[in-house]
Amino acid sequence: MTMKRTPYLRTLYLVACAAPPVLRLPVPIRAAQQAGWDVCLILTPSAHRWLAEDTEGLLQELEQLTGHPVRHQYKLPGQPDVLPPPDAVLVAPLTSNTLAKWATGVSDTLALGLITEGIGLRLPIVALPHFNNAQAAHPAVARHIETLRQAGVTVLLGEGGFVPHKPRHGDPDTYPWHAAIDALPA
């Protein structure tokens, strides 16, 4: 597949987890592009499975929209990098599972490896969670959010970001993508 070259000066890695807003990824990609970002999409393995198995052609649409391959697994050591290096990272939607792994330094997937490394590289990182209020009530969630915030990650949880909903009452069409795009560096 031939990918188009983009005229953007800054590169954004959009790291997306398996939560319902992942089915609306064209929305933040277009918004970030309008804000001047060259967007590269990295999916968790579960998010990739959702898009590969449950949607008709969405992965191909996302590759065409970004002009880059959609990545979801580590490359082999001898393979070249196919994405430009990031200037910033947006993790959205961020599930409680990925939150827990990230805050404890787990790097068992490409998505986790990139966001864990991003902290050490001191990249600007914005995270927009998506989980229900029962998951948010777990005592570890608050600790994990605080760990990431202390590491310099902008976590948009609560007023002005994502407010957890009742279980099985989320609406992916009301997910506040705009808050995440607005929180990226200018």
C-alpha atoms as a PDB file:
ATOM      1  CA  MET A   1       0.000   0.000   0.000  1.00  0.00           C
ATOM      2  CA  THR A   2       1.395   3.411  -0.945  1.00  0.00           C
ATOM      3  CA  MET A   3       1.047   6.009   1.768  1.00  0.00           C
ATOM      4  CA  LYS A   4       0.818   9.723   1.054  1.00  0.00           C
ATOM      5  CA  ARG A   5       3.358  12.180   2.402  1.00  0.00           C
ATOM      6  CA  THR A   6       1.980  14.947   4.563  1.00  0.00           C
ATOM      7  CA  PRO A   7       3.044  18.606   4.791  1.00  0.00           C
ATOM      8  CA  TYR A   8       2.693  18.766   8.597  1.00  0.00           C
ATOM      9  CA  LEU A   9       5.550  19.988  10.771  1.00  0.00           C
ATOM     10  CA  ARG A  10       4.600  18.156  13.993  1.00  0.00           C
ATOM     11  CA  THR A  11       3.859  14.480  14.509  1.00  0.00           C
ATOM     12  CA  LEU A  12       1.224  13.211  16.942  1.00  0.00           C
ATOM     13  CA  TYR A  13       0.993   9.592  17.991  1.00  0.00           C
ATOM     14  CA  LEU A  14      -2.648   8.785  18.730  1.00  0.00           C
ATOM     15  CA  VAL A  15      -2.655   5.675  20.909  1.00  0.00           C
ATOM     16  CA  ALA A  16      -6.145   4.169  21.136  1.00  0.00           C
ATOM     17  CA  CYS A  17      -7.494   1.436  23.413  1.00  0.00           C
ATOM     18  CA  ALA A  18     -10.519  -0.847  23.031  1.00  0.00           C
ATOM     19  CA  ALA A  19     -13.368   1.318  24.300  1.00  0.00           C
ATOM     20  CA  PRO A  20     -16.426   2.417  22.286  1.00  0.00           C
ATOM     21  CA  PRO A  21     -14.979   5.810  21.195  1.00  0.00           C
ATOM     22  CA  VAL A  22     -12.300   3.906  19.232  1.00  0.00           C
ATOM     23  CA  LEU A  23     -15.001   3.419  16.610  1.00  0.00           C
ATOM     24  CA  ARG A  24     -15.044   7.220  16.113  1.00  0.00           C
ATOM     25  CA  LEU A  25     -11.306   7.697  15.437  1.00  0.00           C
ATOM     26  CA  PRO A  26     -11.802   9.757  12.266  1.00  0.00           C
ATOM     27  CA  VAL A  27     -13.140  12.555  14.504  1.00  0.00           C
ATOM     28  CA  PRO A  28      -9.940  13.233  16.501  1.00  0.00           C
ATOM     29  CA  ILE A  29      -7.689  12.484  13.538  1.00  0.00           C
ATOM     30  CA  ARG A  30      -9.358  15.169  11.421  1.00  0.00           C
ATOM     31  CA  ALA A  31      -9.386  17.618  14.346  1.00  0.00           C
ATOM     32  CA  ALA A  32      -5.682  17.061  15.043  1.00  0.00           C
ATOM     33  CA  GLN A  33      -4.859  17.437  11.355  1.00  0.00           C
ATOM     34  CA  GLN A  34      -6.774  20.720  11.261  1.00  0.00           C
ATOM     35  CA  ALA A  35      -4.643  21.807  14.244  1.00  0.00           C
ATOM     36  CA  GLY A  36      -1.494  21.092  12.223  1.00  0.00           C
ATOM     37  CA  TRP A  37      -0.573  17.586  13.364  1.00  0.00           C
ATOM     38  CA  ASP A  38       0.627  14.681  11.232  1.00  0.00           C
ATOM     39  CA  VAL A  39      -1.273  11.873  12.979  1.00  0.00           C
ATOM     40  CA  CYS A  40       0.092   8.342  13.345  1.00  0.00           C
ATOM     41  CA  LEU A  41      -2.329   5.798  14.804  1.00  0.00           C
ATOM     42  CA  ILE A  42      -1.215   3.071  17.207  1.00  0.00           C
ATOM     43  CA  LEU A  43      -3.804   0.633  18.561  1.00  0.00           C
ATOM     44  CA  THR A  44      -3.747  -1.757  21.481  1.00  0.00           C
ATOM     45  CA  PRO A  45      -4.154  -5.371  20.324  1.00  0.00           C
ATOM     46  CA  SER A  46      -7.784  -5.422  21.476  1.00  0.00           C
ATOM     47  CA  ALA A  47      -8.567  -2.126  19.732  1.00  0.00           C
ATOM     48  CA  HIS A  48      -7.004  -3.485  16.547  1.00  0.00           C
ATOM     49  CA  ARG A  49      -9.171  -6.605  16.830  1.00  0.00           C
ATOM     50  CA  TRP A  50     -12.287  -4.453  17.269  1.00  0.00           C
ATOM     51  CA  LEU A  51     -11.486  -2.418  14.167  1.00  0.00           C
ATOM     52  CA  ALA A  52     -10.340  -5.380  12.076  1.00  0.00           C
ATOM     53  CA  GLU A  53     -13.237  -7.698  12.922  1.00  0.00           C
ATOM     54  CA  ASP A  54     -16.190  -5.485  13.830  1.00  0.00           C
ATOM     55  CA  THR A  55     -16.019  -2.691  11.252  1.00  0.00           C
ATOM     56  CA  GLU A  56     -16.205  -2.693   7.486  1.00  0.00           C
ATOM     57  CA  GLY A  57     -13.031  -1.117   6.122  1.00  0.00           C
ATOM     58  CA  LEU A  58     -12.382   1.286   9.022  1.00  0.00           C
ATOM     59  CA  LEU A  59      -8.702   0.305   9.322  1.00  0.00           C
ATOM     60  CA  GLN A  60      -8.148   1.071   5.644  1.00  0.00           C
ATOM     61  CA  GLU A  61     -10.040   4.351   6.001  1.00  0.00           C
ATOM     62  CA  LEU A  62      -7.806   5.311   8.938  1.00  0.00           C
ATOM     63  CA  GLU A  63      -4.636   4.490   6.978  1.00  0.00           C
ATOM     64  CA  GLN A  64      -5.858   6.641   4.089  1.00  0.00           C
ATOM     65  CA  LEU A  65      -6.857   9.447   6.443  1.00  0.00           C
ATOM     66  CA  THR A  66      -3.488   9.518   8.247  1.00  0.00           C
ATOM     67  CA  GLY A  67      -1.291   8.557   5.309  1.00  0.00           C
ATOM     68  CA  HIS A  68       0.513   6.078   7.574  1.00  0.00           C
ATOM     69  CA  PRO A  69       0.155   2.383   8.379  1.00  0.00           C
ATOM     70  CA  VAL A  70      -1.903   1.691  11.508  1.00  0.00           C
ATOM     71  CA  ARG A  71       0.423  -0.045  13.964  1.00  0.00           C
ATOM     72  CA  HIS A  72      -0.617  -2.471  16.708  1.00  0.00           C
ATOM     73  CA  GLN A  73       2.372  -4.708  17.360  1.00  0.00           C
ATOM     74  CA  TYR A  74       6.109  -4.411  17.751  1.00  0.00           C
ATOM     75  CA  LYS A  75       8.181  -4.608  14.586  1.00  0.00           C
ATOM     76  CA  LEU A  76      10.959  -7.178  14.273  1.00  0.00           C
ATOM     77  CA  PRO A  77      14.438  -5.924  15.246  1.00  0.00           C
ATOM     78  CA  GLY A  78      15.699  -5.775  11.638  1.00  0.00           C
ATOM     79  CA  GLN A  79      12.653  -3.959  10.274  1.00  0.00           C
ATOM     80  CA  PRO A  80      12.786  -0.198   9.691  1.00  0.00           C
ATOM     81  CA  ASP A  81      10.536   2.200  11.555  1.00  0.00           C
ATOM     82  CA  VAL A  82       7.591   3.091   9.326  1.00  0.00           C
ATOM     83  CA  LEU A  83       6.406   6.059  11.386  1.00  0.00           C
ATOM     84  CA  PRO A  84       8.159   9.369  11.987  1.00  0.00           C
ATOM     85  CA  PRO A  85       9.167  10.054  15.603  1.00  0.00           C
ATOM     86  CA  PRO A  86       6.478  11.764  17.709  1.00  0.00           C
ATOM     87  CA  ASP A  87       6.491  15.331  18.960  1.00  0.00           C
ATOM     88  CA  ALA A  88       3.521  14.588  21.248  1.00  0.00           C
ATOM     89  CA  VAL A  89       1.279  11.684  22.226  1.00  0.00           C
ATOM     90  CA  LEU A  90      -2.470  11.485  22.762  1.00  0.00           C
ATOM     91  CA  VAL A  91      -3.766   8.381  24.533  1.00  0.00           C
ATOM     92  CA  ALA A  92      -7.496   8.197  23.838  1.00  0.00           C
ATOM     93  CA  PRO A  93      -9.615   6.408  24.624  1.00  0.00           C
ATOM     94  CA  LEU A  94      -7.578   5.250  27.638  1.00  0.00           C
ATOM     95  CA  THR A  95      -9.098   2.197  29.338  1.00  0.00           C
ATOM     96  CA  SER A  96      -8.639   1.349  33.005  1.00  0.00           C
ATOM     97  CA  ASN A  97      -6.653  -1.731  31.949  1.00  0.00           C
ATOM     98  CA  THR A  98      -4.121   0.275  29.939  1.00  0.00           C
ATOM     99  CA  LEU A  99      -4.070   2.947  32.664  1.00  0.00           C
ATOM    100  CA  ALA A 100      -3.056   0.323  35.265  1.00  0.00           C
ATOM    101  CA  LYS A 101      -0.354  -1.185  33.079  1.00  0.00           C
ATOM    102  CA  TRP A 102       1.017   2.190  31.995  1.00  0.00           C
ATOM    103  CA  ALA A 103       1.187   3.593  35.533  1.00  0.00           C
ATOM    104  CA  THR A 104       3.156   0.540  36.671  1.00  0.00           C
ATOM    105  CA  GLY A 105       5.566   0.628  33.724  1.00  0.00           C
ATOM    106  CA  VAL A 106       4.331  -2.434  31.844  1.00  0.00           C
ATOM    107  CA  SER A 107       5.388  -2.436  28.167  1.00  0.00           C
ATOM    108  CA  ASP A 108       3.982  -5.717  26.874  1.00  0.00           C
ATOM    109  CA  THR A 109       2.389  -4.175  23.746  1.00  0.00           C
ATOM    110  CA  LEU A 110       3.560  -1.602  21.226  1.00  0.00           C
ATOM    111  CA  ALA A 111       1.008   0.911  22.531  1.00  0.00           C
ATOM    112  CA  LEU A 112       2.207   0.525  26.127  1.00  0.00           C
ATOM    113  CA  GLY A 113       5.847   0.528  25.099  1.00  0.00           C
ATOM    114  CA  LEU A 114       5.451   3.840  23.277  1.00  0.00           C
ATOM    115  CA  ILE A 115       3.553   5.628  26.055  1.00  0.00           C
ATOM    116  CA  THR A 116       5.783   4.259  28.799  1.00  0.00           C
ATOM    117  CA  GLU A 117       8.859   5.362  26.853  1.00  0.00           C
ATOM    118  CA  GLY A 118       7.194   8.700  26.088  1.00  0.00           C
ATOM    119  CA  ILE A 119       7.334   9.611  29.777  1.00  0.00           C
ATOM    120  CA  GLY A 120      11.076   8.944  29.874  1.00  0.00           C
ATOM    121  CA  LEU A 121      11.570  10.926  26.667  1.00  0.00           C
ATOM    122  CA  ARG A 122       9.665  13.804  28.287  1.00  0.00           C
ATOM    123  CA  LEU A 123       7.239  14.019  25.388  1.00  0.00           C
ATOM    124  CA  PRO A 124       4.065  16.040  25.916  1.00  0.00           C
ATOM    125  CA  ILE A 125       1.424  13.383  26.634  1.00  0.00           C
ATOM    126  CA  VAL A 126      -2.317  13.913  26.967  1.00  0.00           C
ATOM    127  CA  ALA A 127      -4.567  11.069  28.155  1.00  0.00           C
ATOM    128  CA  LEU A 128      -8.353  11.045  27.846  1.00  0.00           C
ATOM    129  CA  PRO A 129      -9.829   8.111  29.785  1.00  0.00           C
ATOM    130  CA  HIS A 130     -12.963   6.190  28.978  1.00  0.00           C
ATOM    131  CA  PHE A 131     -14.350   3.852  31.620  1.00  0.00           C
ATOM    132  CA  ASN A 132     -17.442   3.608  33.753  1.00  0.00           C
ATOM    133  CA  ASN A 133     -17.898   4.961  37.264  1.00  0.00           C
ATOM    134  CA  ALA A 134     -17.742   1.476  38.802  1.00  0.00           C
ATOM    135  CA  GLN A 135     -14.279   0.984  37.306  1.00  0.00           C
ATOM    136  CA  ALA A 136     -13.285   4.525  38.317  1.00  0.00           C
ATOM    137  CA  ALA A 137     -14.270   3.755  41.917  1.00  0.00           C
ATOM    138  CA  HIS A 138     -11.558   1.122  42.270  1.00  0.00           C
ATOM    139  CA  PRO A 139      -8.937   2.515  44.691  1.00  0.00           C
ATOM    140  CA  ALA A 140      -6.060   1.773  42.300  1.00  0.00           C
ATOM    141  CA  VAL A 141      -7.467   4.062  39.588  1.00  0.00           C
ATOM    142  CA  ALA A 142      -6.913   7.253  41.606  1.00  0.00           C
ATOM    143  CA  ARG A 143      -3.360   6.131  42.446  1.00  0.00           C
ATOM    144  CA  HIS A 144      -2.605   5.368  38.805  1.00  0.00           C
ATOM    145  CA  ILE A 145      -3.970   8.742  37.663  1.00  0.00           C
ATOM    146  CA  GLU A 146      -1.841  10.507  40.277  1.00  0.00           C
ATOM    147  CA  THR A 147       1.266   8.530  39.244  1.00  0.00           C
ATOM    148  CA  LEU A 148       0.860   9.602  35.633  1.00  0.00           C
ATOM    149  CA  ARG A 149       0.134  13.218  36.529  1.00  0.00           C
ATOM    150  CA  GLN A 150       3.257  13.336  38.709  1.00  0.00           C
ATOM    151  CA  ALA A 151       5.200  12.007  35.711  1.00  0.00           C
ATOM    152  CA  GLY A 152       3.977  14.963  33.633  1.00  0.00           C
ATOM    153  CA  VAL A 153       1.064  13.354  31.789  1.00  0.00           C
ATOM    154  CA  THR A 154      -2.007  15.558  31.348  1.00  0.00           C
ATOM    155  CA  VAL A 155      -4.857  13.245  32.365  1.00  0.00           C
ATOM    156  CA  LEU A 156      -8.242  14.681  31.426  1.00  0.00           C
ATOM    157  CA  LEU A 157     -10.481  12.961  33.946  1.00  0.00           C
ATOM    158  CA  GLY A 158     -13.333  14.871  35.550  1.00  0.00           C
ATOM    159  CA  GLU A 159     -14.767  18.296  34.763  1.00  0.00           C
ATOM    160  CA  GLY A 160     -13.389  19.585  31.472  1.00  0.00           C
ATOM    161  CA  GLY A 161     -12.392  16.088  30.362  1.00  0.00           C
ATOM    162  CA  PHE A 162     -14.034  12.684  30.568  1.00  0.00           C
ATOM    163  CA  VAL A 163     -16.591  12.093  33.314  1.00  0.00           C
ATOM    164  CA  PRO A 164     -17.172   8.368  33.947  1.00  0.00           C
ATOM    165  CA  HIS A 165     -20.684   7.116  33.222  1.00  0.00           C
ATOM    166  CA  LYS A 166     -22.835   4.374  34.729  1.00  0.00           C
ATOM    167  CA  PRO A 167     -21.969   0.870  33.488  1.00  0.00           C
ATOM    168  CA  ARG A 168     -23.494   0.208  30.053  1.00  0.00           C
ATOM    169  CA  HIS A 169     -24.614   3.873  29.732  1.00  0.00           C
ATOM    170  CA  GLY A 170     -21.705   5.373  27.802  1.00  0.00           C
ATOM    171  CA  ASP A 171     -22.273   7.258  24.560  1.00  0.00           C
ATOM    172  CA  PRO A 172     -19.261   7.299  22.214  1.00  0.00           C
ATOM    173  CA  ASP A 173     -20.762  10.237  20.331  1.00  0.00           C
ATOM    174  CA  THR A 174     -20.409  12.476  23.412  1.00  0.00           C
ATOM    175  CA  TYR A 175     -16.779  11.511  24.123  1.00  0.00           C
ATOM    176  CA  PRO A 176     -14.900  14.834  24.560  1.00  0.00           C
ATOM    177  CA  TRP A 177     -12.296  14.468  21.805  1.00  0.00           C
ATOM    178  CA  HIS A 178     -12.137  18.284  21.557  1.00  0.00           C
ATOM    179  CA  ALA A 179     -10.819  18.533  25.128  1.00  0.00           C
ATOM    180  CA  ALA A 180      -7.906  16.255  24.248  1.00  0.00           C
ATOM    181  CA  ILE A 181      -7.068  18.097  21.012  1.00  0.00           C
ATOM    182  CA  ASP A 182      -7.254  21.441  22.849  1.00  0.00           C
ATOM    183  CA  ALA A 183      -4.861  20.128  25.546  1.00  0.00           C
ATOM    184  CA  LEU A 184      -2.118  19.289  23.029  1.00  0.00           C
ATOM    185  CA  PRO A 185       0.813  21.702  22.834  1.00  0.00           C
ATOM    186  CA  ALA A 186       0.268  24.624  20.459  1.00  0.00           C
END
